[in-house]
PDB file of N, CA and C in Angstrom:
ATOM      1  N   MET A   1     108.227 136.261  93.161  1.00  0.00           N
ATOM      2  CA  MET A   1     108.450 135.661  94.464  1.00  0.00           C
ATOM      3  C   MET A   1     109.732 134.840  94.434  1.00  0.00           C
ATOM      4  N   LEU A   2     110.551 134.970  95.451  1.00  0.00           N
ATOM      5  CA  LEU A   2     111.808 134.256  95.571  1.00  0.00           C
ATOM      6  C   LEU A   2     111.541 132.827  96.027  1.00  0.00           C
ATOM      7  N   ARG A   3     112.229 131.855  95.419  1.00  0.00           N
ATOM      8  CA  ARG A   3     112.086 130.460  95.836  1.00  0.00           C
ATOM      9  C   ARG A   3     113.350 130.072  96.582  1.00  0.00           C
ATOM     10  N   PHE A   4     113.215 129.578  97.806  1.00  0.00           N
ATOM     11  CA  PHE A   4     114.367 129.275  98.638  1.00  0.00           C
ATOM     12  C   PHE A   4     114.054 128.072  99.504  1.00  0.00           C
ATOM     13  N   PRO A   5     114.849 126.984  99.427  1.00  0.00           N
ATOM     14  CA  PRO A   5     114.597 125.831 100.287  1.00  0.00           C
ATOM     15  C   PRO A   5     115.019 126.134 101.719  1.00  0.00           C
ATOM     16  N   CYS A   6     114.128 125.912 102.659  1.00  0.00           N
ATOM     17  CA  CYS A   6     114.428 126.190 104.067  1.00  0.00           C
ATOM     18  C   CYS A   6     115.331 125.102 104.613  1.00  0.00           C
ATOM     19  N   GLY A   7     116.296 125.484 105.416  1.00  0.00           N
ATOM     20  CA  GLY A   7     117.220 124.509 105.977  1.00  0.00           C
ATOM     21  C   GLY A   7     117.678 124.912 107.351  1.00  0.00           C
ATOM     22  N   LEU A   8     118.554 124.086 107.913  1.00  0.00           N
ATOM     23  CA  LEU A   8     119.047 124.333 109.258  1.00  0.00           C
ATOM     24  C   LEU A   8     119.845 125.618 109.345  1.00  0.00           C
ATOM     25  N   LEU A   9     120.623 125.933 108.305  1.00  0.00           N
ATOM     26  CA  LEU A   9     121.451 127.131 108.336  1.00  0.00           C
ATOM     27  C   LEU A   9     120.591 128.380 108.443  1.00  0.00           C
ATOM     28  N   THR A  10     119.515 128.442 107.680  1.00  0.00           N
ATOM     29  CA  THR A  10     118.665 129.629 107.733  1.00  0.00           C
ATOM     30  C   THR A  10     117.958 129.732 109.073  1.00  0.00           C
ATOM     31  N   ARG A  11     117.472 128.601 109.602  1.00  0.00           N
ATOM     32  CA  ARG A  11     116.791 128.633 110.902  1.00  0.00           C
ATOM     33  C   ARG A  11     117.776 128.993 112.012  1.00  0.00           C
ATOM     34  N   ALA A  12     119.025 128.529 111.920  1.00  0.00           N
ATOM     35  CA  ALA A  12     120.024 128.831 112.944  1.00  0.00           C
ATOM     36  C   ALA A  12     120.340 130.320 112.973  1.00  0.00           C
ATOM     37  N   ARG A  13     120.202 130.988 111.851  1.00  0.00           N
ATOM     38  CA  ARG A  13     120.469 132.427 111.783  1.00  0.00           C
ATOM     39  C   ARG A  13     119.225 133.247 112.087  1.00  0.00           C
ATOM     40  N   GLY A  14     118.138 132.584 112.463  1.00  0.00           N
ATOM     41  CA  GLY A  14     116.925 133.306 112.819  1.00  0.00           C
ATOM     42  C   GLY A  14     116.091 133.713 111.616  1.00  0.00           C
ATOM     43  N   ILE A  15     116.364 133.145 110.461  1.00  0.00           N
ATOM     44  CA  ILE A  15     115.598 133.459 109.261  1.00  0.00           C
ATOM     45  C   ILE A  15     114.482 132.437 109.139  1.00  0.00           C
ATOM     46  N   THR A  16     113.264 132.899 109.023  1.00  0.00           N
ATOM     47  CA  THR A  16     112.143 131.978 108.892  1.00  0.00           C
ATOM     48  C   THR A  16     111.978 131.591 107.438  1.00  0.00           C
ATOM     49  N   CYS A  17     111.153 130.602 107.189  1.00  0.00           N
ATOM     50  CA  CYS A  17     110.897 130.152 105.825  1.00  0.00           C
ATOM     51  C   CYS A  17     109.831 131.007 105.158  1.00  0.00           C
ATOM     52  N   ASP A  18     109.296 131.979 105.842  1.00  0.00           N
ATOM     53  CA  ASP A  18     108.238 132.813 105.267  1.00  0.00           C
ATOM     54  C   ASP A  18     108.769 134.099 104.655  1.00  0.00           C
ATOM     55  N   THR A  19     109.832 134.652 105.212  1.00  0.00           N
ATOM     56  CA  THR A  19     110.388 135.895 104.677  1.00  0.00           C
ATOM     57  C   THR A  19     111.903 135.858 104.714  1.00  0.00           C
ATOM     58  N   TRP A  20     112.525 136.639 103.877  1.00  0.00           N
ATOM     59  CA  TRP A  20     113.972 136.825 103.853  1.00  0.00           C
ATOM     60  C   TRP A  20     114.224 138.206 104.432  1.00  0.00           C
ATOM     61  N   PRO A  21     115.208 138.355 105.311  1.00  0.00           N
ATOM     62  CA  PRO A  21     115.400 139.647 105.958  1.00  0.00           C
ATOM     63  C   PRO A  21     115.817 140.746 104.972  1.00  0.00           C
ATOM     64  N   THR A  22     115.648 141.970 105.386  1.00  0.00           N
ATOM     65  CA  THR A  22     116.026 143.109 104.545  1.00  0.00           C
ATOM     66  C   THR A  22     117.492 143.437 104.759  1.00  0.00           C
ATOM     67  N   GLY A  23     117.971 144.399 104.016  1.00  0.00           N
ATOM     68  CA  GLY A  23     119.345 144.853 104.158  1.00  0.00           C
ATOM     69  C   GLY A  23     119.438 146.052 105.070  1.00  0.00           C
ATOM     70  N   ALA A  24     118.532 146.157 106.044  1.00  0.00           N
ATOM     71  CA  ALA A  24     118.540 147.293 106.968  1.00  0.00           C
ATOM     72  C   ALA A  24     119.891 147.395 107.641  1.00  0.00           C
ATOM     73  N   GLY A  25     120.447 148.595 107.659  1.00  0.00           N
ATOM     74  CA  GLY A  25     121.737 148.833 108.270  1.00  0.00           C
ATOM     75  C   GLY A  25     122.891 148.724 107.290  1.00  0.00           C
ATOM     76  N   SER A  26     122.603 148.300 106.074  1.00  0.00           N
ATOM     77  CA  SER A  26     123.649 148.175 105.064  1.00  0.00           C
ATOM     78  C   SER A  26     123.689 149.417 104.185  1.00  0.00           C
ATOM     79  N   ASN A  27     124.866 149.782 103.723  1.00  0.00           N
ATOM     80  CA  ASN A  27     125.013 150.904 102.807  1.00  0.00           C
ATOM     81  C   ASN A  27     125.195 150.449 101.369  1.00  0.00           C
ATOM     82  N   MET A  28     125.147 149.137 101.118  1.00  0.00           N
ATOM     83  CA  MET A  28     125.370 148.611  99.780  1.00  0.00           C
ATOM     84  C   MET A  28     124.206 149.008  98.861  1.00  0.00           C
ATOM     85  N   PRO A  29     124.494 149.393  97.620  1.00  0.00           N
ATOM     86  CA  PRO A  29     123.432 149.833  96.716  1.00  0.00           C
ATOM     87  C   PRO A  29     122.483 148.708  96.298  1.00  0.00           C
ATOM     88  N   ASP A  30     122.916 147.444  96.389  1.00  0.00           N
ATOM     89  CA  ASP A  30     122.058 146.349  95.961  1.00  0.00           C
ATOM     90  C   ASP A  30     121.345 145.656  97.131  1.00  0.00           C
ATOM     91  N   ARG A  31     121.281 146.324  98.292  1.00  0.00           N
ATOM     92  CA  ARG A  31     120.659 145.720  99.464  1.00  0.00           C
ATOM     93  C   ARG A  31     119.141 145.583  99.249  1.00  0.00           C
ATOM     94  N   LEU A  32     118.538 144.692 100.020  1.00  0.00           N
ATOM     95  CA  LEU A  32     117.090 144.521  99.985  1.00  0.00           C
ATOM     96  C   LEU A  32     116.451 145.666 100.764  1.00  0.00           C
ATOM     97  N   LEU A  33     115.483 146.315 100.154  1.00  0.00           N
ATOM     98  CA  LEU A  33     114.847 147.448 100.809  1.00  0.00           C
ATOM     99  C   LEU A  33     113.668 147.034 101.673  1.00  0.00           C
ATOM    100  N   GLU A  34     113.064 145.889 101.359  1.00  0.00           N
ATOM    101  CA  GLU A  34     111.939 145.395 102.151  1.00  0.00           C
ATOM    102  C   GLU A  34     111.980 143.875 102.164  1.00  0.00           C
ATOM    103  N   PRO A  35     111.305 143.232 103.120  1.00  0.00           N
ATOM    104  CA  PRO A  35     111.316 141.766 103.182  1.00  0.00           C
ATOM    105  C   PRO A  35     110.770 141.153 101.894  1.00  0.00           C
ATOM    106  N   VAL A  36     111.306 139.999 101.535  1.00  0.00           N
ATOM    107  CA  VAL A  36     110.877 139.289 100.341  1.00  0.00           C
ATOM    108  C   VAL A  36     110.100 138.060 100.777  1.00  0.00           C
ATOM    109  N   LYS A  37     108.913 137.855 100.226  1.00  0.00           N
ATOM    110  CA  LYS A  37     108.105 136.677 100.527  1.00  0.00           C
ATOM    111  C   LYS A  37     108.727 135.467  99.850  1.00  0.00           C
ATOM    112  N   ILE A  38     108.863 134.366 100.579  1.00  0.00           N
ATOM    113  CA  ILE A  38     109.504 133.162 100.065  1.00  0.00           C
ATOM    114  C   ILE A  38     108.476 132.050  99.916  1.00  0.00           C
ATOM    115  N   GLU A  39     108.475 131.427  98.739  1.00  0.00           N
ATOM    116  CA  GLU A  39     107.572 130.313  98.468  1.00  0.00           C
ATOM    117  C   GLU A  39     108.282 129.011  98.845  1.00  0.00           C
ATOM    118  N   LYS A  40     107.611 128.156  99.615  1.00  0.00           N
ATOM    119  CA  LYS A  40     108.204 126.896 100.013  1.00  0.00           C
ATOM    120  C   LYS A  40     108.200 125.932  98.828  1.00  0.00           C
ATOM    121  N   LEU A  41     109.287 125.171  98.687  1.00  0.00           N
ATOM    122  CA  LEU A  41     109.413 124.201  97.612  1.00  0.00           C
ATOM    123  C   LEU A  41     109.249 122.800  98.173  1.00  0.00           C
ATOM    124  N   SER A  42     108.508 121.978  97.458  1.00  0.00           N
ATOM    125  CA  SER A  42     108.469 120.572  97.826  1.00  0.00           C
ATOM    126  C   SER A  42     109.343 119.843  96.822  1.00  0.00           C
ATOM    127  N   VAL A  43     110.412 119.223  97.317  1.00  0.00           N
ATOM    128  CA  VAL A  43     111.386 118.577  96.457  1.00  0.00           C
ATOM    129  C   VAL A  43     111.411 117.094  96.791  1.00  0.00           C
ATOM    130  N   ASP A  44     111.265 116.255  95.753  1.00  0.00           N
ATOM    131  CA  ASP A  44     111.382 114.823  95.994  1.00  0.00           C
ATOM    132  C   ASP A  44     112.790 114.376  95.616  1.00  0.00           C
ATOM    133  N   SER A  45     113.227 113.295  96.205  1.00  0.00           N
ATOM    134  CA  SER A  45     114.586 112.809  95.972  1.00  0.00           C
ATOM    135  C   SER A  45     114.667 112.098  94.627  1.00  0.00           C
ATOM    136  N   HIS A  46     115.884 111.849  94.178  1.00  0.00           N
ATOM    137  CA  HIS A  46     116.070 111.117  92.932  1.00  0.00           C
ATOM    138  C   HIS A  46     115.488 109.716  93.053  1.00  0.00           C
ATOM    139  N   LEU A  47     115.600 109.103  94.237  1.00  0.00           N
ATOM    140  CA  LEU A  47     115.053 107.769  94.434  1.00  0.00           C
ATOM    141  C   LEU A  47     113.537 107.790  94.296  1.00  0.00           C
ATOM    142  N   GLU A  48     112.874 108.768  94.934  1.00  0.00           N
ATOM    143  CA  GLU A  48     111.419 108.880  94.793  1.00  0.00           C
ATOM    144  C   GLU A  48     111.026 109.102  93.339  1.00  0.00           C
ATOM    145  N   ASN A  49     111.779 109.950  92.636  1.00  0.00           N
ATOM    146  CA  ASN A  49     111.507 110.208  91.225  1.00  0.00           C
ATOM    147  C   ASN A  49     111.671 108.933  90.404  1.00  0.00           C
ATOM    148  N   PHE A  50     112.741 108.173  90.659  1.00  0.00           N
ATOM    149  CA  PHE A  50     112.986 106.936  89.929  1.00  0.00           C
ATOM    150  C   PHE A  50     111.869 105.924  90.166  1.00  0.00           C
ATOM    151  N   LEU A  51     111.488 105.722  91.427  1.00  0.00           N
ATOM    152  CA  LEU A  51     110.434 104.754  91.732  1.00  0.00           C
ATOM    153  C   LEU A  51     109.096 105.160  91.121  1.00  0.00           C
ATOM    154  N   ARG A  52     108.780 106.458  91.153  1.00  0.00           N
ATOM    155  CA  ARG A  52     107.553 106.930  90.523  1.00  0.00           C
ATOM    156  C   ARG A  52     107.580 106.665  89.014  1.00  0.00           C
ATOM    157  N   CYS A  53     108.735 106.865  88.402  1.00  0.00           N
ATOM    158  CA  CYS A  53     108.858 106.639  86.965  1.00  0.00           C
ATOM    159  C   CYS A  53     108.769 105.166  86.609  1.00  0.00           C
ATOM    160  N   VAL A  54     109.255 104.287  87.488  1.00  0.00           N
ATOM    161  CA  VAL A  54     109.110 102.849  87.255  1.00  0.00           C
ATOM    162  C   VAL A  54     107.635 102.477  87.267  1.00  0.00           C
ATOM    163  N   ARG A  55     106.878 103.047  88.211  1.00  0.00           N
ATOM    164  CA  ARG A  55     105.451 102.735  88.312  1.00  0.00           C
ATOM    165  C   ARG A  55     104.638 103.326  87.163  1.00  0.00           C
ATOM    166  N   THR A  56     104.958 104.558  86.759  1.00  0.00           N
ATOM    167  CA  THR A  56     104.126 105.268  85.778  1.00  0.00           C
ATOM    168  C   THR A  56     104.697 105.264  84.369  1.00  0.00           C
ATOM    169  N   ARG A  57     105.925 104.762  84.209  1.00  0.00           N
ATOM    170  CA  ARG A  57     106.629 104.740  82.919  1.00  0.00           C
ATOM    171  C   ARG A  57     106.909 106.142  82.375  1.00  0.00           C
ATOM    172  N   GLU A  58     106.991 107.134  83.266  1.00  0.00           N
ATOM    173  CA  GLU A  58     107.402 108.482  82.874  1.00  0.00           C
ATOM    174  C   GLU A  58     108.921 108.491  82.672  1.00  0.00           C
ATOM    175  N   THR A  59     109.415 109.558  82.060  1.00  0.00           N
ATOM    176  CA  THR A  59     110.860 109.726  81.908  1.00  0.00           C
ATOM    177  C   THR A  59     111.430 110.278  83.203  1.00  0.00           C
ATOM    178  N   PRO A  60     112.483 109.645  83.743  1.00  0.00           N
ATOM    179  CA  PRO A  60     113.067 110.151  84.987  1.00  0.00           C
ATOM    180  C   PRO A  60     113.722 111.515  84.799  1.00  0.00           C
ATOM    181  N   ARG A  61     113.896 112.206  85.899  1.00  0.00           N
ATOM    182  CA  ARG A  61     114.529 113.519  85.893  1.00  0.00           C
ATOM    183  C   ARG A  61     115.961 113.434  85.377  1.00  0.00           C
ATOM    184  N   ALA A  62     116.692 112.387  85.720  1.00  0.00           N
ATOM    185  CA  ALA A  62     118.064 112.197  85.257  1.00  0.00           C
ATOM    186  C   ALA A  62     118.167 110.838  84.573  1.00  0.00           C
ATOM    187  N   ASP A  63     118.660 110.830  83.332  1.00  0.00           N
ATOM    188  CA  ASP A  63     118.767 109.571  82.599  1.00  0.00           C
ATOM    189  C   ASP A  63     120.080 108.848  82.933  1.00  0.00           C
ATOM    190  N   ILE A  64     120.294 107.710  82.302  1.00  0.00           N
ATOM    191  CA  ILE A  64     121.478 106.899  82.585  1.00  0.00           C
ATOM    192  C   ILE A  64     122.757 107.646  82.239  1.00  0.00           C
ATOM    193  N   GLN A  65     122.756 108.370  81.124  1.00  0.00           N
ATOM    194  CA  GLN A  65     123.956 109.105  80.725  1.00  0.00           C
ATOM    195  C   GLN A  65     124.336 110.160  81.769  1.00  0.00           C
ATOM    196  N   ALA A  66     123.342 110.850  82.331  1.00  0.00           N
ATOM    197  CA  ALA A  66     123.622 111.846  83.370  1.00  0.00           C
ATOM    198  C   ALA A  66     124.221 111.172  84.604  1.00  0.00           C
ATOM    199  N   GLY A  67     123.672 110.029  84.996  1.00  0.00           N
ATOM    200  CA  GLY A  67     124.209 109.292  86.139  1.00  0.00           C
ATOM    201  C   GLY A  67     125.636 108.824  85.896  1.00  0.00           C
ATOM    202  N   PHE A  68     125.904 108.323  84.681  1.00  0.00           N
ATOM    203  CA  PHE A  68     127.245 107.871  84.330  1.00  0.00           C
ATOM    204  C   PHE A  68     128.232 109.039  84.367  1.00  0.00           C
ATOM    205  N   SER A  69     127.844 110.165  83.778  1.00  0.00           N
ATOM    206  CA  SER A  69     128.722 111.339  83.751  1.00  0.00           C
ATOM    207  C   SER A  69     129.058 111.818  85.156  1.00  0.00           C
ATOM    208  N   HIS A  70     128.080 111.816  86.044  1.00  0.00           N
ATOM    209  CA  HIS A  70     128.326 112.253  87.418  1.00  0.00           C
ATOM    210  C   HIS A  70     129.217 111.261  88.154  1.00  0.00           C
ATOM    211  N   ALA A  71     129.020 109.958  87.895  1.00  0.00           N
ATOM    212  CA  ALA A  71     129.856 108.948  88.542  1.00  0.00           C
ATOM    213  C   ALA A  71     131.306 109.080  88.081  1.00  0.00           C
ATOM    214  N   VAL A  72     131.510 109.326  86.769  1.00  0.00           N
ATOM    215  CA  VAL A  72     132.866 109.518  86.247  1.00  0.00           C
ATOM    216  C   VAL A  72     133.511 110.743  86.899  1.00  0.00           C
ATOM    217  N   ALA A  73     132.754 111.839  86.993  1.00  0.00           N
ATOM    218  CA  ALA A  73     133.292 113.055  87.615  1.00  0.00           C
ATOM    219  C   ALA A  73     133.670 112.807  89.074  1.00  0.00           C
ATOM    220  N   ASP A  74     132.845 112.039  89.807  1.00  0.00           N
ATOM    221  CA  ASP A  74     133.159 111.712  91.201  1.00  0.00           C
ATOM    222  C   ASP A  74     134.438 110.887  91.298  1.00  0.00           C
ATOM    223  N   CYS A  75     134.573 109.884  90.425  1.00  0.00           N
ATOM    224  CA  CYS A  75     135.771 109.042  90.430  1.00  0.00           C
ATOM    225  C   CYS A  75     137.011 109.856  90.081  1.00  0.00           C
ATOM    226  N   MET A  76     136.880 110.764  89.109  1.00  0.00           N
ATOM    227  CA  MET A  76     138.015 111.612  88.725  1.00  0.00           C
ATOM    228  C   MET A  76     138.418 112.531  89.876  1.00  0.00           C
ATOM    229  N   ALA A  77     137.430 113.095  90.569  1.00  0.00           N
ATOM    230  CA  ALA A  77     137.726 113.974  91.704  1.00  0.00           C
ATOM    231  C   ALA A  77     138.432 113.204  92.815  1.00  0.00           C
ATOM    232  N   ALA A  78     137.969 111.992  93.102  1.00  0.00           N
ATOM    233  CA  ALA A  78     138.590 111.178  94.150  1.00  0.00           C
ATOM    234  C   ALA A  78     140.019 110.817  93.769  1.00  0.00           C
ATOM    235  N   ALA A  79     140.234 110.439  92.501  1.00  0.00           N
ATOM    236  CA  ALA A  79     141.582 110.077  92.046  1.00  0.00           C
ATOM    237  C   ALA A  79     142.514 111.288  92.091  1.00  0.00           C
ATOM    238  N   ALA A  80     142.011 112.444  91.705  1.00  0.00           N
ATOM    239  CA  ALA A  80     142.824 113.669  91.731  1.00  0.00           C
ATOM    240  C   ALA A  80     143.179 114.052  93.159  1.00  0.00           C
ATOM    241  N   LEU A  81     142.230 113.910  94.059  1.00  0.00           N
ATOM    242  CA  LEU A  81     142.481 114.243  95.465  1.00  0.00           C
ATOM    243  C   LEU A  81     143.526 113.303  96.060  1.00  0.00           C
ATOM    244  N   GLU A  82     143.409 112.027  95.735  1.00  0.00           N
ATOM    245  CA  GLU A  82     144.337 111.036  96.278  1.00  0.00           C
ATOM    246  C   GLU A  82     145.737 111.192  95.702  1.00  0.00           C
ATOM    247  N   SER A  83     145.827 111.451  94.390  1.00  0.00           N
ATOM    248  CA  SER A  83     147.138 111.523  93.735  1.00  0.00           C
ATOM    249  C   SER A  83     147.763 112.912  93.786  1.00  0.00           C
ATOM    250  N   GLY A  84     146.927 113.938  93.975  1.00  0.00           N
ATOM    251  CA  GLY A  84     147.436 115.303  93.964  1.00  0.00           C
ATOM    252  C   GLY A  84     147.730 115.805  92.556  1.00  0.00           C
ATOM    253  N   ARG A  85     147.238 115.093  91.551  1.00  0.00           N
ATOM    254  CA  ARG A  85     147.469 115.466  90.155  1.00  0.00           C
ATOM    255  C   ARG A  85     146.135 115.659  89.433  1.00  0.00           C
ATOM    256  N   ARG A  86     146.218 116.345  88.305  1.00  0.00           N
ATOM    257  CA  ARG A  86     145.040 116.532  87.452  1.00  0.00           C
ATOM    258  C   ARG A  86     144.737 115.212  86.736  1.00  0.00           C
ATOM    259  N   ILE A  87     143.467 114.845  86.679  1.00  0.00           N
ATOM    260  CA  ILE A  87     143.050 113.588  86.064  1.00  0.00           C
ATOM    261  C   ILE A  87     142.227 113.904  84.816  1.00  0.00           C
ATOM    262  N   GLY A  88     142.510 113.197  83.732  1.00  0.00           N
ATOM    263  CA  GLY A  88     141.748 113.350  82.492  1.00  0.00           C
ATOM    264  C   GLY A  88     140.886 112.125  82.249  1.00  0.00           C
ATOM    265  N   PHE A  89     140.072 112.173  81.203  1.00  0.00           N
ATOM    266  CA  PHE A  89     139.179 111.060  80.875  1.00  0.00           C
ATOM    267  C   PHE A  89     139.142 110.866  79.372  1.00  0.00           C
ATOM    268  N   ASP A  90     139.353 109.626  78.920  1.00  0.00           N
ATOM    269  CA  ASP A  90     139.269 109.280  77.504  1.00  0.00           C
ATOM    270  C   ASP A  90     137.886 108.702  77.238  1.00  0.00           C
ATOM    271  N   PRO A  91     136.996 109.469  76.551  1.00  0.00           N
ATOM    272  CA  PRO A  91     135.627 108.980  76.335  1.00  0.00           C
ATOM    273  C   PRO A  91     135.541 107.828  75.346  1.00  0.00           C
ATOM    274  N   GLN A  92     136.558 107.650  74.504  1.00  0.00           N
ATOM    275  CA  GLN A  92     136.550 106.532  73.551  1.00  0.00           C
ATOM    276  C   GLN A  92     136.793 105.214  74.268  1.00  0.00           C
ATOM    277  N   ARG A  93     137.808 105.197  75.137  1.00  0.00           N
ATOM    278  CA  ARG A  93     138.157 103.970  75.857  1.00  0.00           C
ATOM    279  C   ARG A  93     137.481 103.879  77.218  1.00  0.00           C
ATOM    280  N   LEU A  94     136.802 104.961  77.638  1.00  0.00           N
ATOM    281  CA  LEU A  94     136.136 105.041  78.950  1.00  0.00           C
ATOM    282  C   LEU A  94     137.126 104.774  80.083  1.00  0.00           C
ATOM    283  N   GLU A  95     138.271 105.458  80.007  1.00  0.00           N
ATOM    284  CA  GLU A  95     139.305 105.298  81.019  1.00  0.00           C
ATOM    285  C   GLU A  95     139.764 106.667  81.523  1.00  0.00           C
ATOM    286  N   MET A  96     140.132 106.683  82.817  1.00  0.00           N
ATOM    287  CA  MET A  96     140.737 107.884  83.369  1.00  0.00           C
ATOM    288  C   MET A  96     142.205 107.877  83.008  1.00  0.00           C
ATOM    289  N   LEU A  97     142.734 109.059  82.706  1.00  0.00           N
ATOM    290  CA  LEU A  97     144.148 109.193  82.303  1.00  0.00           C
ATOM    291  C   LEU A  97     144.967 109.765  83.443  1.00  0.00           C
TER     292      LEU A  97
END
């Protein structure tokens, strides 16, 4: 069974959350020959996951190192966009180059 999160884009195109359309009318060899049943996913946010882990002392989905790495990547992307240059990172000094 295909897992697909339902969203506004799929609903705007007339695709329901219960089935994925077929490739009817297509000549492509990898087209879908029949509708695919889609299982709905229940996804909680990082905040919900964090708060649940504070209450239950479970390990969060993303640890501090993952959060730090993503924050560094965001800062590097913003600096590169603003400067128009490639940005590097020195992990020893924790500085962008």
